[in-house]
Every structure is written in C-alpha cells, then in structure tokens.
Amino acid sequence: MTTIRISVKNKRDANLLYRMLMKLSIVDKVEKIEPEEILYSKKQYSKLTTILSTQANPSLFMNISDPVHWQKELRNEWE
C-alpha cells in the first residue's frame, strides 16, 4: 500500500476531491483531517519538544554501561 498526503486550499475543493477519490476502485481509504487537528498536533509537538529540551539531562543515563542488560533487569522486576 502507498499513502499520498494532499493539502487542498479550501474546504469546497477538499470535499469535491474527497468524493472523487471515494468513487475510485483503486483507493482503499480516504481520511479527512481538518486544519484545526493539524494545528493542535503541531502545538502539542512544539510543547513536547520544549519540555524535553528544557528538562533534558545529558548525563541521565551515563551510569548505565550495558543498556540491554539494564532493560532486561527492569523487565524482570515487573514479573
């Protein structure tokens, strides 16, 4: 399967394109994403990167010599 992302300038054209694509037998699925959803996700991403960059501590995992072994030990604690 191949995914194509298309941006359309106005809602009327977007609705027309949506209806046209839905009629094609080669199209499996068409998802409409409203501009508000895109802005919201971009804002969330921006907030997350800001939080992570301000809270990041480069020496946080420096004392872990073998990360694979460390993760296995953590998983074993849950059992």
N, C-alpha and C. Protein backbone atom coordinates (compact mmCIF):
# COMPACT_ATOMS: atom_id res chain seq x y z
N MET A 1 0.85 -1.17 0.00
CA MET A 1 0.00 0.00 0.00
C MET A 1 0.89 1.24 0.00
N THR A 2 0.48 2.25 -0.70
CA THR A 2 1.17 3.53 -0.75
C THR A 2 0.23 4.60 -0.24
N THR A 3 0.76 5.52 0.55
CA THR A 3 -0.04 6.60 1.10
C THR A 3 0.37 7.90 0.42
N ILE A 4 -0.64 8.69 0.08
CA ILE A 4 -0.41 10.00 -0.51
C ILE A 4 -1.08 11.04 0.37
N ARG A 5 -0.34 12.06 0.75
CA ARG A 5 -0.92 13.14 1.57
C ARG A 5 -1.10 14.35 0.66
N ILE A 6 -2.31 14.90 0.66
CA ILE A 6 -2.64 16.02 -0.21
C ILE A 6 -3.19 17.16 0.64
N SER A 7 -2.70 18.37 0.38
CA SER A 7 -3.26 19.55 1.03
C SER A 7 -4.07 20.32 -0.01
N VAL A 8 -5.28 20.69 0.36
CA VAL A 8 -6.17 21.41 -0.55
C VAL A 8 -6.46 22.77 0.07
N LYS A 9 -6.50 23.82 -0.76
CA LYS A 9 -6.58 25.18 -0.26
C LYS A 9 -7.90 25.53 0.43
N ASN A 10 -9.02 24.96 -0.04
CA ASN A 10 -10.28 25.33 0.60
C ASN A 10 -11.16 24.10 0.80
N LYS A 11 -12.13 24.26 1.67
CA LYS A 11 -12.98 23.14 2.09
C LYS A 11 -13.85 22.61 0.94
N ARG A 12 -14.32 23.50 0.08
CA ARG A 12 -15.18 23.09 -1.03
C ARG A 12 -14.42 22.16 -1.98
N ASP A 13 -13.19 22.54 -2.33
CA ASP A 13 -12.37 21.70 -3.20
C ASP A 13 -11.98 20.39 -2.50
N ALA A 14 -11.75 20.48 -1.21
CA ALA A 14 -11.40 19.28 -0.45
C ALA A 14 -12.56 18.29 -0.47
N ASN A 15 -13.77 18.79 -0.29
CA ASN A 15 -14.94 17.90 -0.32
C ASN A 15 -15.13 17.28 -1.70
N LEU A 16 -14.91 18.06 -2.75
CA LEU A 16 -15.02 17.55 -4.11
C LEU A 16 -13.98 16.46 -4.36
N LEU A 17 -12.76 16.73 -3.99
CA LEU A 17 -11.70 15.74 -4.18
C LEU A 17 -11.98 14.48 -3.37
N TYR A 18 -12.46 14.65 -2.16
CA TYR A 18 -12.80 13.51 -1.30
C TYR A 18 -13.84 12.62 -1.98
N ARG A 19 -14.91 13.23 -2.51
CA ARG A 19 -15.97 12.46 -3.17
C ARG A 19 -15.43 11.75 -4.42
N MET A 20 -14.56 12.43 -5.16
CA MET A 20 -13.98 11.82 -6.36
C MET A 20 -13.12 10.61 -6.00
N LEU A 21 -12.29 10.77 -4.99
CA LEU A 21 -11.41 9.67 -4.57
C LEU A 21 -12.20 8.47 -4.05
N MET A 22 -13.29 8.74 -3.35
CA MET A 22 -14.10 7.65 -2.80
C MET A 22 -14.74 6.80 -3.91
N LYS A 23 -14.93 7.38 -5.09
CA LYS A 23 -15.52 6.66 -6.21
C LYS A 23 -14.53 5.75 -6.93
N LEU A 24 -13.24 5.97 -6.74
CA LEU A 24 -12.23 5.18 -7.43
C LEU A 24 -12.06 3.81 -6.77
N SER A 25 -12.02 2.78 -7.58
CA SER A 25 -11.88 1.42 -7.04
C SER A 25 -10.46 1.14 -6.54
N ILE A 26 -9.49 1.91 -7.00
CA ILE A 26 -8.11 1.67 -6.57
C ILE A 26 -7.78 2.30 -5.22
N VAL A 27 -8.70 3.10 -4.70
CA VAL A 27 -8.48 3.78 -3.42
C VAL A 27 -9.08 2.94 -2.30
N ASP A 28 -8.24 2.57 -1.32
CA ASP A 28 -8.72 1.78 -0.18
C ASP A 28 -9.40 2.64 0.87
N LYS A 29 -8.78 3.76 1.18
CA LYS A 29 -9.28 4.55 2.30
C LYS A 29 -8.90 6.02 2.08
N VAL A 30 -9.81 6.91 2.44
CA VAL A 30 -9.54 8.35 2.36
C VAL A 30 -9.84 8.94 3.74
N GLU A 31 -8.87 9.64 4.31
CA GLU A 31 -9.07 10.27 5.62
C GLU A 31 -9.06 11.77 5.44
N LYS A 32 -10.02 12.42 6.03
CA LYS A 32 -10.05 13.88 6.01
C LYS A 32 -9.53 14.37 7.36
N ILE A 33 -8.59 15.29 7.31
CA ILE A 33 -8.05 15.88 8.54
C ILE A 33 -8.33 17.38 8.47
N GLU A 34 -9.04 17.85 9.44
CA GLU A 34 -9.38 19.27 9.49
C GLU A 34 -8.16 20.09 9.91
N PRO A 35 -8.04 21.31 9.43
CA PRO A 35 -6.88 22.16 9.78
C PRO A 35 -6.69 22.34 11.28
N GLU A 36 -7.80 22.36 12.02
CA GLU A 36 -7.69 22.53 13.47
C GLU A 36 -6.93 21.37 14.09
N GLU A 37 -7.14 20.14 13.56
CA GLU A 37 -6.45 18.97 14.09
C GLU A 37 -4.96 19.05 13.82
N ILE A 38 -4.58 19.56 12.66
CA ILE A 38 -3.17 19.68 12.31
C ILE A 38 -2.50 20.71 13.22
N LEU A 39 -3.15 21.86 13.39
CA LEU A 39 -2.59 22.89 14.27
C LEU A 39 -2.45 22.38 15.69
N TYR A 40 -3.46 21.64 16.17
CA TYR A 40 -3.42 21.11 17.53
C TYR A 40 -2.24 20.16 17.69
N SER A 41 -2.03 19.27 16.71
CA SER A 41 -0.94 18.31 16.84
C SER A 41 0.42 19.01 16.73
N LYS A 42 0.52 20.05 15.89
CA LYS A 42 1.77 20.81 15.81
C LYS A 42 2.05 21.53 17.12
N LYS A 43 1.00 22.08 17.74
CA LYS A 43 1.18 22.76 19.02
C LYS A 43 1.64 21.78 20.08
N GLN A 44 1.03 20.59 20.09
CA GLN A 44 1.41 19.58 21.07
C GLN A 44 2.86 19.16 20.87
N TYR A 45 3.25 18.95 19.61
CA TYR A 45 4.63 18.57 19.31
C TYR A 45 5.59 19.65 19.78
N SER A 46 5.23 20.89 19.51
CA SER A 46 6.07 22.00 19.92
C SER A 46 6.21 22.06 21.43
N LYS A 47 5.11 21.88 22.14
CA LYS A 47 5.15 21.88 23.61
C LYS A 47 6.02 20.74 24.13
N LEU A 48 5.85 19.56 23.54
CA LEU A 48 6.63 18.40 23.97
C LEU A 48 8.12 18.62 23.76
N THR A 49 8.50 19.13 22.59
CA THR A 49 9.92 19.35 22.34
C THR A 49 10.49 20.41 23.29
N THR A 50 9.68 21.42 23.60
CA THR A 50 10.14 22.44 24.54
C THR A 50 10.36 21.84 25.93
N ILE A 51 9.41 21.05 26.38
CA ILE A 51 9.53 20.42 27.70
C ILE A 51 10.74 19.50 27.74
N LEU A 52 10.88 18.67 26.71
CA LEU A 52 12.00 17.73 26.70
C LEU A 52 13.35 18.44 26.62
N SER A 53 13.42 19.49 25.84
CA SER A 53 14.70 20.19 25.73
C SER A 53 15.07 20.92 27.02
N THR A 54 14.06 21.44 27.72
CA THR A 54 14.38 22.14 28.97
C THR A 54 14.65 21.18 30.11
N GLN A 55 14.04 20.01 30.07
CA GLN A 55 14.22 19.04 31.15
C GLN A 55 15.31 18.01 30.86
N ALA A 56 15.83 18.02 29.65
CA ALA A 56 16.82 17.01 29.27
C ALA A 56 18.09 17.15 30.10
N ASN A 57 18.54 16.03 30.55
CA ASN A 57 19.78 15.97 31.30
C ASN A 57 20.69 15.00 30.55
N PRO A 58 21.73 15.50 29.89
CA PRO A 58 22.56 14.63 29.06
C PRO A 58 23.26 13.52 29.85
N SER A 59 23.42 13.69 31.13
CA SER A 59 24.10 12.66 31.93
C SER A 59 23.11 11.73 32.63
N LEU A 60 21.87 11.76 32.23
CA LEU A 60 20.84 10.97 32.89
C LEU A 60 21.14 9.47 32.87
N PHE A 61 21.60 8.95 31.75
CA PHE A 61 21.85 7.51 31.62
C PHE A 61 23.33 7.19 31.51
N MET A 62 24.18 8.10 31.91
CA MET A 62 25.62 7.89 31.78
C MET A 62 26.14 6.74 32.63
N ASN A 63 25.49 6.45 33.74
CA ASN A 63 25.98 5.39 34.62
C ASN A 63 25.55 4.00 34.17
N ILE A 64 24.86 3.89 33.04
CA ILE A 64 24.42 2.59 32.52
C ILE A 64 25.45 2.13 31.50
N SER A 65 26.21 1.10 31.88
CA SER A 65 27.28 0.63 30.99
C SER A 65 26.74 -0.31 29.91
N ASP A 66 25.73 -1.12 30.25
CA ASP A 66 25.16 -2.07 29.29
C ASP A 66 23.65 -1.86 29.22
N PRO A 67 23.16 -1.04 28.28
CA PRO A 67 21.73 -0.70 28.21
C PRO A 67 20.83 -1.92 28.01
N VAL A 68 21.28 -2.89 27.25
CA VAL A 68 20.45 -4.08 27.00
C VAL A 68 20.24 -4.84 28.31
N HIS A 69 21.30 -5.06 29.04
CA HIS A 69 21.21 -5.75 30.33
C HIS A 69 20.34 -4.95 31.31
N TRP A 70 20.51 -3.65 31.30
CA TRP A 70 19.72 -2.76 32.18
C TRP A 70 18.23 -2.90 31.88
N GLN A 71 17.85 -2.91 30.60
CA GLN A 71 16.44 -3.06 30.24
C GLN A 71 15.90 -4.43 30.64
N LYS A 72 16.70 -5.46 30.47
CA LYS A 72 16.26 -6.81 30.86
C LYS A 72 16.00 -6.87 32.36
N GLU A 73 16.87 -6.25 33.14
CA GLU A 73 16.67 -6.23 34.59
C GLU A 73 15.38 -5.50 34.95
N LEU A 74 15.11 -4.39 34.26
CA LEU A 74 13.87 -3.65 34.52
C LEU A 74 12.65 -4.51 34.21
N ARG A 75 12.69 -5.20 33.09
CA ARG A 75 11.55 -6.06 32.72
C ARG A 75 11.36 -7.19 33.72
N ASN A 76 12.46 -7.75 34.21
CA ASN A 76 12.36 -8.83 35.17
C ASN A 76 11.74 -8.37 36.49
N GLU A 77 11.89 -7.11 36.83
CA GLU A 77 11.29 -6.57 38.06
C GLU A 77 9.77 -6.60 37.98
N TRP A 78 9.22 -6.51 36.77
CA TRP A 78 7.76 -6.47 36.60
C TRP A 78 7.11 -7.82 36.75
N GLU A 79 7.88 -8.86 36.61
CA GLU A 79 7.29 -10.22 36.67
C GLU A 79 7.08 -10.71 38.06
